[in-house]
Structures are given as C-alpha cells and as structure tokens.
Amino acid sequence: MTATETDILNLKNRFGIIGNANLLNHAVRVAMQVAPTDMTVLITGESGSGKESFSKIIHQLSPRKHGQFIAINCGSIPEGTIDSELFGHEKGSFTGAHEARKGYFEVTNGGTIFLDEIGEMPMGTQARLLRVLENGEFIRVGSSKVLKTDVRVVAATNVNLLNKVEQSRFREDLYYRLNSVPIYVPPLRERGKDIELLFRKFATDFAEKYKVKPITLTEDAKELLLKYRFPGNIRQLKNLVEQISVLSPDQKEISASVLDLYIPKESTLPALYNGQHGAENISEREILYKVLFDMRKDVNDLKKFVHESFRNPDQTAQLIKENASLFSDLRHEESAGAHDKVLTINPPRSSEEVGVPEEVQDITHVTEDDSLSIEKKEKELILRALRKNNNKRKYAARDLGISERTLYRKIKEYGLEE
C-alpha cells in the first residue's frame, strides 16, 4: 500500500522527524513500505544524519514490534570480542569466558537487530552474519552446535560499501544480501529549509531545559546558516543551538555576526567526490597520506632521472623532455623578483668528468628503505593520539577519525599493546 502525504506526516510526528525535504520524505515512505515485510534493509547516509530513527520506524511498524530491538555499533566493538557479542560463547572458549553467554542474535529472537557501521565488521564476522541471513543459523564461539534464530537485520553505514567490496574489505555476497532494500538518508545540507525548522525546534527545547528565552535568527543569520555545510549534520546543528542558547542567554535574536562566532570556519582541505552521493569531507590524516605518497613518487622519479642522466649523459636532453612533469612547476615557484629566471640543465659529457659519487653510480633501483614509510607515519600518529589521551583508546580513535575497532587492530599490528 502506498503511503499518503498524511501518513508520512503522522509518522514523522510520531518519531520526532522534522523536515519536509523531498529526499527525507522519500526515505520515510520507503521505510513505511518495507516495514511489514521481513526484508533486510541497508540504510546509508552520513554520520549524524539520523539513520537510527529509520531503523526504529521499520521495527515499530513491523509484526516484530512486540519483540526486542537492539542497536549495535559494529565499529565500537573490538575485533576479538565481536563474534562473542553477536553470537555468544561457551564456558572456557577463551580467556575470561567463565560462563556461557548468549549473543545478541540469540536474545533478540523474534525481534530486530540494528547493525550500525556495518562496514567496520571484520571479514570473519561477516561470514557468520551471512549464514544467519541466509538460513537463520549460527554457532556460539567455542561450540559446534548449530542454533537457530529468527531475527530481522537492519544495517547502516556512512561509507561506500561498494568501494570496500572492490578493495576486498567487505564481502560482495553479504553486500547484496544486506542491500535488499536501500534507504538513503540525506545529509542536512541537502535538506534546504529543514535546517531552519530544526533550529527552531532545538532552540525551543533548550530554552525549556535551561530556563532561558528561545533564540531566533535574523534574516541574514538564516542565510548564513543555510550556507554552512554541516559536516556533522543534525548532531552538529543541535550542539550549535545548545551552545548559543547557553552562551548568549540575553540575546533573543541572533544576528549573522553573532552566529558567525559560533559556526566553525570552513575547512580549506579539498573534498573527495564519490559516485554515489556527492561530496564528502576528507580527513587531514588522509590528505597527509596522499601528500606523502605523491612526494615518494616524485622523489623516486627524480632519483631514476638523475641515475639515467649520469649513465647516459648524451641522452640527458631527451630524458628532460620525457620527464617534463618533474620540472613543469619550477618556474611558477620562482619569486616575483626572479620570474625571468629559466631553469637550465647542462648535461655532463661523462660521469667521470663530474666525479659522480659511488652512491649515485651504484643506484640501480629505488629500495623500500629509500622511500617514505607511510606505515611509520601512521604509527607515529597513533602513538601521539594515545599519549595525548592518556592511552584511552576510545578518545584516541576519535581524534584519529577511525573506529575504536580499527584502532585496536592497528595497535596490535604495530605491536603497541604496551
């Protein structure tokens, strides 16, 4: 049965979903239509866009609404314990397993499990999950007995799973099994005037909470608000309104100049574009890695150029022509006062004439030790984050922009347990 506009409005009021954007209404409509079935749903959208609300809609409108609903963040469970958390374990199956324990798939029999950040699930656990989705079977850790469960799975991710499939970091069969019905939750910047509606709602809520006057925006402040991209989406907007409500209690109407003090300055870092939903912010860590990779390539190319030019001095002019990209930006980097200078390279007649060092003469290839070590830089970043947060991995992972599970894996990989 097709959901009417009235049905959608009533459902949004019931679950506290604010906004009238077409993409948002479409997501609600799909959730309403798929809820009565037992089909697996994959919810995609950026962090903070409200994906969990749609999992609750699906559960509450389904025949399973009287069963249990459990929301699990796959990225926050360490890789070594996620199988036990989801599927349970037997007594003595591993160190610390003092008694048998039921997993989420066992205790939620007849209900719904919401697997958030499904892209962070380890490959081994993905195989176990696929078996549950295919035939409702699972095995506890440390057991050989096959158990049955009747659980509906709703998954969510803020990354492009197809990219992970191509990188062999996510099972292709599991992806297509999860993606029976896709629901795309739009980011705040794609919802237009919904930002103003949400601002007013949060302003009213915090005025009541802190016993202050609800703040409003001038017209120029509204324009400024709509121009901001809100990488943190609804969560970021809510925090922004709370901050202004507390720190500007005597200002009922917020001007653009005041609002500008609270809005974070736009990053000058470039944005990545994927083929699915447009632009996404790239972290400074990822930018650093890309720069290091590019630097390594340029250094390696330069080494090869120097080596070949000394080995074949008569062909240096041709080598310069073939490696023009190495020198294309040099003239642009000259200072304004020296803009007329032209780079000239006079090739030697032979390597003996210039006294080529043995190190240069012995170059035959670029070794791994000669190149920049990305792994070393990553290890240094992890150590710095751990020291900064007094070895509290949860906060270190947040600073690094990775999941806690990924940090655990990296710590083990680099031998940083101590």
Protein backbone atom coordinates (compact mmCIF):
# COMPACT_ATOMS: atom_id res chain seq x y z
CA MET A 1 0.00 0.00 0.00
CA THR A 2 1.38 3.39 -1.00
CA ALA A 3 1.90 5.84 1.87
CA THR A 4 -0.02 9.12 1.52
CA GLU A 5 1.34 12.54 2.46
CA THR A 6 -0.85 12.44 5.57
CA ASP A 7 0.57 9.04 6.56
CA ILE A 8 4.11 10.36 6.17
CA LEU A 9 3.34 13.49 8.21
CA ASN A 10 1.75 11.46 11.02
CA LEU A 11 4.70 9.09 11.11
CA LYS A 12 7.23 11.91 11.26
CA ASN A 13 5.33 13.46 14.17
CA ARG A 14 5.25 10.09 15.95
CA PHE A 15 9.02 9.55 15.67
CA GLY A 16 10.07 13.19 16.03
CA ILE A 17 11.38 13.53 12.48
CA ILE A 18 11.39 17.20 11.46
CA GLY A 19 11.54 18.40 7.87
CA ASN A 20 9.77 18.42 4.54
CA ALA A 21 12.64 17.81 2.09
CA ASN A 22 11.70 15.51 -0.78
CA LEU A 23 14.64 13.16 -0.13
CA LEU A 24 13.65 12.88 3.53
CA ASN A 25 10.01 12.15 2.69
CA HIS A 26 11.09 9.53 0.18
CA ALA A 27 13.22 7.78 2.81
CA VAL A 28 10.26 7.76 5.24
CA ARG A 29 7.96 6.40 2.53
CA VAL A 30 10.33 3.52 1.71
CA ALA A 31 10.71 2.68 5.41
CA MET A 32 6.93 2.54 5.81
CA GLN A 33 6.51 0.29 2.78
CA VAL A 34 9.23 -2.19 3.70
CA ALA A 35 8.43 -2.35 7.45
CA PRO A 36 5.63 -5.00 7.25
CA THR A 37 7.95 -7.39 5.40
CA ASP A 38 10.95 -9.36 6.67
CA MET A 39 13.30 -7.97 4.03
CA THR A 40 16.80 -6.90 5.05
CA VAL A 41 17.34 -3.14 4.81
CA LEU A 42 20.56 -1.17 4.28
CA ILE A 43 20.39 2.45 5.42
CA THR A 44 23.09 4.73 4.01
CA GLY A 45 23.90 8.30 4.94
CA GLU A 46 26.49 10.47 6.62
CA SER A 47 27.25 10.33 10.32
CA GLY A 48 24.73 12.32 12.35
CA SER A 49 22.03 12.30 9.66
CA GLY A 50 19.56 10.25 11.75
CA LYS A 51 19.86 6.72 10.33
CA GLU A 52 18.89 5.01 13.61
CA SER A 53 15.48 6.72 13.57
CA PHE A 54 14.64 4.85 10.38
CA SER A 55 15.59 1.51 11.91
CA LYS A 56 13.13 2.22 14.74
CA ILE A 57 10.40 3.11 12.24
CA ILE A 58 10.92 -0.21 10.47
CA HIS A 59 10.78 -2.14 13.75
CA GLN A 60 7.77 -0.35 15.21
CA LEU A 61 5.69 -0.75 12.02
CA SER A 62 6.57 -4.42 11.62
CA PRO A 63 4.91 -7.56 13.05
CA ARG A 64 8.01 -7.77 15.29
CA LYS A 65 7.18 -4.56 17.17
CA HIS A 66 6.45 -6.51 20.38
CA GLY A 67 9.82 -8.25 20.13
CA GLN A 68 13.16 -6.86 21.26
CA PHE A 69 15.01 -4.14 19.35
CA ILE A 70 18.79 -3.90 19.82
CA ALA A 71 21.07 -1.30 18.24
CA ILE A 72 24.73 -2.31 17.91
CA ASN A 73 27.63 -0.17 16.72
CA CYS A 74 29.96 -2.59 14.94
CA GLY A 75 32.77 -0.05 14.96
CA SER A 76 32.85 0.25 18.75
CA ILE A 77 33.29 -3.48 19.49
CA PRO A 78 36.90 -4.77 19.42
CA GLU A 79 37.56 -7.34 16.70
CA GLY A 80 38.47 -10.02 19.22
CA THR A 81 35.12 -9.89 21.02
CA ILE A 82 32.57 -9.02 18.33
CA ASP A 83 31.80 -12.68 17.50
CA SER A 84 31.10 -13.38 21.16
CA GLU A 85 28.90 -10.27 21.46
CA LEU A 86 26.80 -11.14 18.42
CA PHE A 87 26.66 -14.94 18.57
CA GLY A 88 27.52 -15.81 22.18
CA HIS A 89 30.17 -18.17 23.57
CA GLU A 90 30.58 -21.31 25.63
CA LYS A 91 32.25 -21.52 29.02
CA GLY A 92 36.03 -21.73 28.70
CA SER A 93 36.02 -20.92 24.97
CA PHE A 94 38.59 -18.16 25.57
CA THR A 95 40.39 -16.44 28.44
CA GLY A 96 37.82 -14.75 30.65
CA ALA A 97 34.87 -16.85 29.46
CA HIS A 98 33.94 -18.04 32.95
CA GLU A 99 30.42 -18.98 31.94
CA ALA A 100 28.35 -19.49 28.82
CA ARG A 101 26.75 -16.37 27.37
CA LYS A 102 24.00 -15.76 24.85
CA GLY A 103 24.75 -13.38 22.00
CA TYR A 104 22.53 -10.64 20.60
CA PHE A 105 21.21 -12.84 17.81
CA GLU A 106 20.03 -15.36 20.38
CA VAL A 107 18.41 -12.98 22.86
CA THR A 108 16.76 -10.95 20.08
CA ASN A 109 14.98 -13.98 18.59
CA GLY A 110 11.70 -12.71 17.14
CA GLY A 111 12.87 -9.09 17.16
CA THR A 112 15.07 -6.71 15.18
CA ILE A 113 18.82 -6.06 15.28
CA PHE A 114 20.17 -2.74 14.00
CA LEU A 115 23.82 -3.09 12.92
CA ASP A 116 25.28 0.40 12.66
CA GLU A 117 28.66 0.99 10.97
CA ILE A 118 28.35 -2.40 9.26
CA GLY A 119 31.36 -1.51 7.11
CA GLU A 120 33.62 -1.89 10.18
CA MET A 121 32.62 -5.53 10.73
CA PRO A 122 35.59 -7.96 10.43
CA MET A 123 35.61 -10.35 7.47
CA GLY A 124 35.25 -13.44 9.68
CA THR A 125 32.20 -12.00 11.40
CA GLN A 126 30.75 -11.07 8.01
CA ALA A 127 30.78 -14.77 7.06
CA ARG A 128 28.90 -15.65 10.25
CA LEU A 129 26.36 -12.90 9.61
CA LEU A 130 25.78 -14.11 6.05
CA ARG A 131 24.88 -17.54 7.39
CA VAL A 132 22.31 -16.01 9.73
CA LEU A 133 20.79 -14.01 6.90
CA GLU A 134 20.69 -17.00 4.53
CA ASN A 135 19.23 -19.69 6.79
CA GLY A 136 18.88 -18.29 10.32
CA GLU A 137 21.72 -20.44 11.70
CA PHE A 138 24.68 -19.53 13.90
CA ILE A 139 27.20 -21.20 16.20
CA ARG A 140 28.41 -19.87 19.52
CA VAL A 141 32.14 -19.24 19.91
CA GLY A 142 33.74 -22.43 21.25
CA SER A 143 30.78 -24.63 20.28
CA SER A 144 29.95 -26.93 17.38
CA LYS A 145 26.20 -26.96 17.95
CA VAL A 146 24.14 -25.17 15.31
CA LEU A 147 21.48 -22.87 16.78
CA LYS A 148 18.53 -21.24 15.04
CA THR A 149 17.23 -17.68 15.32
CA ASP A 150 14.51 -15.60 13.72
CA VAL A 151 15.87 -12.07 13.64
CA ARG A 152 15.36 -9.25 11.19
CA VAL A 153 18.53 -7.33 10.34
CA VAL A 154 18.59 -3.63 9.54
CA ALA A 155 22.10 -2.38 8.74
CA ALA A 156 23.51 1.13 8.33
CA THR A 157 26.74 2.62 7.04
CA ASN A 158 28.26 6.04 6.44
CA VAL A 159 30.84 4.71 3.96
CA ASN A 160 30.56 3.42 0.40
CA LEU A 161 30.38 -0.36 0.82
CA LEU A 162 30.89 -0.96 -2.90
CA ASN A 163 34.33 0.65 -2.59
CA LYS A 164 35.10 -1.69 0.31
CA VAL A 165 33.94 -4.63 -1.81
CA GLU A 166 36.35 -3.57 -4.59
CA GLN A 167 39.14 -3.32 -2.00
CA SER A 168 38.31 -6.84 -0.71
CA ARG A 169 37.43 -5.36 2.69
CA PHE A 170 33.76 -6.31 2.56
CA ARG A 171 32.12 -9.48 1.25
CA GLU A 172 30.33 -8.97 -2.04
CA ASP A 173 27.71 -11.65 -1.30
CA LEU A 174 26.95 -10.04 2.07
CA TYR A 175 26.64 -6.60 0.48
CA TYR A 176 23.97 -7.74 -1.96
CA ARG A 177 22.21 -9.74 0.76
CA LEU A 178 22.06 -6.67 3.04
CA ASN A 179 21.10 -4.30 0.25
CA SER A 180 17.73 -5.95 -0.46
CA VAL A 181 16.06 -2.60 0.15
CA PRO A 182 18.29 0.51 0.23
CA ILE A 183 17.25 3.65 2.11
CA TYR A 184 19.27 6.84 1.64
CA VAL A 185 19.07 9.39 4.46
CA PRO A 186 20.09 12.79 3.04
CA PRO A 187 22.67 14.97 4.82
CA LEU A 188 21.48 18.22 6.35
CA ARG A 189 22.95 20.36 3.58
CA GLU A 190 20.65 18.62 1.05
CA ARG A 191 17.50 19.40 3.04
CA GLY A 192 17.22 23.16 2.43
CA LYS A 193 14.75 24.94 4.73
CA ASP A 194 14.65 21.92 7.06
CA ILE A 195 17.70 23.45 8.75
CA GLU A 196 15.60 26.40 9.93
CA LEU A 197 12.84 24.09 11.22
CA LEU A 198 15.34 22.03 13.17
CA PHE A 199 17.00 25.17 14.53
CA ARG A 200 13.65 26.41 15.91
CA LYS A 201 12.86 23.00 17.42
CA PHE A 202 16.21 22.75 19.19
CA ALA A 203 16.02 26.40 20.32
CA THR A 204 12.63 25.71 21.96
CA ASP A 205 13.89 22.53 23.61
CA PHE A 206 16.99 24.17 25.09
CA ALA A 207 15.08 27.27 26.20
CA GLU A 208 12.87 25.00 28.25
CA LYS A 209 15.79 22.97 29.54
CA TYR A 210 17.93 25.93 30.62
CA LYS A 211 15.06 28.29 31.55
CA VAL A 212 16.09 30.96 29.03
CA LYS A 213 14.38 32.77 26.17
CA PRO A 214 14.28 30.78 22.94
CA ILE A 215 16.70 32.23 20.41
CA THR A 216 15.65 33.26 16.91
CA LEU A 217 17.62 34.25 13.82
CA THR A 218 17.63 37.43 11.78
CA GLU A 219 17.22 37.07 8.01
CA ASP A 220 20.94 37.49 7.35
CA ALA A 221 21.67 34.90 10.05
CA LYS A 222 19.30 32.46 8.35
CA GLU A 223 21.17 32.93 5.09
CA LEU A 224 24.47 32.28 6.85
CA LEU A 225 23.04 29.14 8.49
CA LEU A 226 21.82 27.74 5.17
CA LYS A 227 25.19 28.33 3.53
CA TYR A 228 27.08 26.24 6.08
CA ARG A 229 27.66 22.60 5.02
CA PHE A 230 27.19 20.99 8.46
CA PRO A 231 29.58 18.03 8.09
CA GLY A 232 28.27 16.75 11.44
CA ASN A 233 24.65 17.05 10.22
CA ILE A 234 21.78 17.11 12.76
CA ARG A 235 24.05 16.28 15.68
CA GLN A 236 26.26 19.27 14.90
CA LEU A 237 23.30 21.62 14.45
CA LYS A 238 21.86 20.53 17.79
CA ASN A 239 25.17 21.17 19.56
CA LEU A 240 25.42 24.58 17.87
CA VAL A 241 21.96 25.65 19.06
CA GLU A 242 22.66 24.44 22.59
CA GLN A 243 25.93 26.36 22.69
CA ILE A 244 24.31 29.61 21.54
CA SER A 245 21.38 29.16 23.95
CA VAL A 246 23.73 28.80 26.91
CA LEU A 247 26.37 31.36 25.99
CA SER A 248 24.02 34.07 24.68
CA PRO A 249 21.11 33.93 27.15
CA ASP A 250 20.39 37.66 26.94
CA GLN A 251 20.19 37.78 23.15
CA LYS A 252 16.81 36.69 21.90
CA GLU A 253 17.52 37.45 18.23
CA ILE A 254 20.84 36.22 16.85
CA SER A 255 22.39 38.25 14.05
CA ALA A 256 24.71 36.92 11.35
CA SER A 257 27.74 38.48 13.05
CA VAL A 258 26.93 36.69 16.32
CA LEU A 259 26.12 33.40 14.60
CA ASP A 260 29.40 33.58 12.71
CA LEU A 261 31.24 33.44 16.04
CA TYR A 262 29.76 30.01 16.75
CA ILE A 263 29.89 28.42 13.30
CA PRO A 264 33.20 26.61 12.71
CA LYS A 265 35.25 28.06 9.91
CA GLU A 266 35.03 26.07 6.69
CA SER A 267 37.99 23.78 6.13
CA THR A 268 40.25 24.65 3.23
CA LEU A 269 41.04 20.99 2.71
CA PRO A 270 39.88 19.54 -0.61
CA ALA A 271 36.80 17.33 -0.77
CA LEU A 272 36.52 13.83 -2.14
CA TYR A 273 33.71 13.01 -4.51
CA ASN A 274 32.20 9.57 -4.75
CA GLY A 275 29.87 8.32 -7.38
CA GLN A 276 27.01 7.69 -5.01
CA HIS A 277 26.03 10.77 -3.05
CA GLY A 278 28.34 13.66 -3.97
CA ALA A 279 30.96 15.36 -1.83
CA GLU A 280 32.35 14.11 1.42
CA ASN A 281 34.97 15.70 3.64
CA ILE A 282 38.40 14.13 3.61
CA SER A 283 40.30 13.99 6.89
CA GLU A 284 43.64 15.71 7.39
CA ARG A 285 45.17 12.29 8.02
CA GLU A 286 44.06 11.10 4.58
CA ILE A 287 45.40 14.29 3.00
CA LEU A 288 48.75 13.68 4.73
CA TYR A 289 48.93 10.14 3.40
CA LYS A 290 48.14 11.28 -0.14
CA VAL A 291 50.78 14.02 0.03
CA LEU A 292 53.35 11.54 1.32
CA PHE A 293 52.55 9.08 -1.45
CA ASP A 294 52.85 11.84 -4.07
CA MET A 295 56.14 13.02 -2.54
CA ARG A 296 57.51 9.49 -2.58
CA LYS A 297 56.60 9.10 -6.24
CA ASP A 298 58.26 12.42 -7.16
CA VAL A 299 61.43 11.54 -5.21
CA ASN A 300 61.60 8.12 -6.82
CA ASP A 301 61.11 9.61 -10.29
CA LEU A 302 63.81 12.19 -9.59
CA LYS A 303 66.24 9.52 -8.43
CA LYS A 304 65.64 7.50 -11.56
CA PHE A 305 66.10 10.63 -13.70
CA VAL A 306 69.43 11.50 -12.06
CA HIS A 307 70.61 7.92 -12.35
CA GLU A 308 69.74 7.67 -16.04
CA SER A 309 71.24 11.08 -16.84
CA PHE A 310 74.59 10.05 -15.33
CA ARG A 311 74.53 6.67 -17.01
CA ASN A 312 73.64 8.18 -20.39
CA PRO A 313 74.98 11.77 -20.46
CA ASP A 314 74.43 12.05 -24.20
CA GLN A 315 70.70 11.42 -23.76
CA THR A 316 70.08 13.90 -20.93
CA ALA A 317 68.16 16.33 -23.16
CA GLN A 318 65.84 13.55 -24.20
CA LEU A 319 65.41 12.46 -20.55
CA ILE A 320 64.45 16.02 -19.56
CA LYS A 321 61.85 16.05 -22.31
CA GLU A 322 60.44 12.67 -21.20
CA ASN A 323 60.28 13.79 -17.55
CA ALA A 324 58.89 17.27 -18.19
CA SER A 325 56.37 16.86 -15.36
CA LEU A 326 59.21 16.92 -12.83
CA PHE A 327 60.16 20.45 -13.87
CA SER A 328 56.82 21.87 -15.02
CA ASP A 329 56.12 23.76 -11.79
CA LEU A 330 59.60 25.02 -11.03
CA ARG A 331 59.24 28.28 -12.93
CA HIS A 332 55.95 29.05 -11.18
CA GLU A 333 57.66 28.63 -7.82
CA GLU A 334 60.24 31.35 -8.51
CA SER A 335 59.73 34.52 -6.52
CA ALA A 336 58.14 37.56 -8.15
CA GLY A 337 61.52 39.30 -8.35
CA ALA A 338 63.11 36.40 -10.17
CA HIS A 339 60.30 35.50 -12.52
CA ASP A 340 62.55 35.84 -15.61
CA LYS A 341 64.94 33.12 -14.47
CA VAL A 342 64.79 29.95 -16.55
CA LEU A 343 65.89 26.56 -15.33
CA THR A 344 68.74 25.26 -17.47
CA ILE A 345 70.46 21.93 -17.16
CA ASN A 346 73.75 21.39 -18.93
CA PRO A 347 74.37 17.65 -19.26
CA PRO A 348 77.92 16.46 -18.47
CA ARG A 349 79.89 14.74 -21.22
CA SER A 350 80.59 11.78 -18.98
CA SER A 351 80.19 10.69 -15.40
CA GLU A 352 83.97 10.72 -14.88
CA GLU A 353 84.17 14.48 -15.67
CA VAL A 354 81.96 15.46 -12.76
CA GLY A 355 83.16 12.85 -10.30
CA VAL A 356 79.90 11.02 -9.75
CA PRO A 357 79.69 9.74 -6.17
CA GLU A 358 79.72 5.98 -5.75
CA GLU A 359 76.29 6.16 -4.12
CA VAL A 360 74.85 7.61 -7.34
CA GLN A 361 76.77 5.25 -9.60
CA ASP A 362 75.52 2.27 -7.62
CA ILE A 363 71.85 3.18 -7.94
CA THR A 364 70.02 0.50 -9.89
CA HIS A 365 66.60 0.74 -8.27
CA VAL A 366 64.76 2.53 -5.52
CA THR A 367 64.73 0.37 -2.42
CA GLU A 368 61.94 0.27 0.11
CA ASP A 369 64.24 1.87 2.70
CA ASP A 370 64.79 4.86 0.40
CA SER A 371 61.10 5.64 0.14
CA LEU A 372 58.99 7.41 2.72
CA SER A 373 57.34 4.96 5.09
CA ILE A 374 53.61 5.59 5.32
CA GLU A 375 53.35 2.87 7.94
CA LYS A 376 55.90 4.71 10.10
CA LYS A 377 53.90 7.93 9.84
CA GLU A 378 50.71 6.11 10.74
CA LYS A 379 52.39 4.53 13.76
CA GLU A 380 53.63 7.94 14.90
CA LEU A 381 50.13 9.41 14.57
CA ILE A 382 48.66 6.58 16.65
CA LEU A 383 51.32 6.98 19.36
CA ARG A 384 50.73 10.73 19.52
CA ALA A 385 46.98 10.25 19.83
CA LEU A 386 47.41 7.67 22.59
CA ARG A 387 49.80 9.89 24.55
CA LYS A 388 47.52 12.88 24.15
CA ASN A 389 44.57 10.92 25.56
CA ASN A 390 46.48 9.10 28.30
CA ASN A 391 46.18 5.78 26.43
CA LYS A 392 42.39 5.98 26.41
CA ARG A 393 41.74 4.28 23.10
CA LYS A 394 38.18 5.49 22.71
CA TYR A 395 39.26 9.14 22.64
CA ALA A 396 42.41 8.39 20.64
CA ALA A 397 40.28 6.73 17.95
CA ARG A 398 38.01 9.77 17.87
CA ASP A 399 40.98 12.13 17.38
CA LEU A 400 42.34 9.93 14.60
CA GLY A 401 39.00 9.81 12.84
CA ILE A 402 38.81 5.99 12.88
CA SER A 403 36.66 3.46 14.70
CA GLU A 404 37.76 2.02 18.02
CA ARG A 405 37.88 -1.46 16.45
CA THR A 406 40.22 -0.24 13.70
CA LEU A 407 42.47 1.37 16.33
CA TYR A 408 42.64 -1.92 18.28
CA ARG A 409 43.68 -3.69 15.07
CA LYS A 410 46.35 -1.09 14.27
CA ILE A 411 47.75 -1.23 17.83
CA LYS A 412 48.08 -4.99 17.53
CA GLU A 413 49.53 -4.73 14.02
CA TYR A 414 52.26 -2.30 15.11
CA GLY A 415 52.93 -4.02 18.44
CA LEU A 416 51.82 -1.05 20.56
CA GLU A 417 49.91 -3.03 23.23
CA GLU A 418 52.28 -1.91 25.97
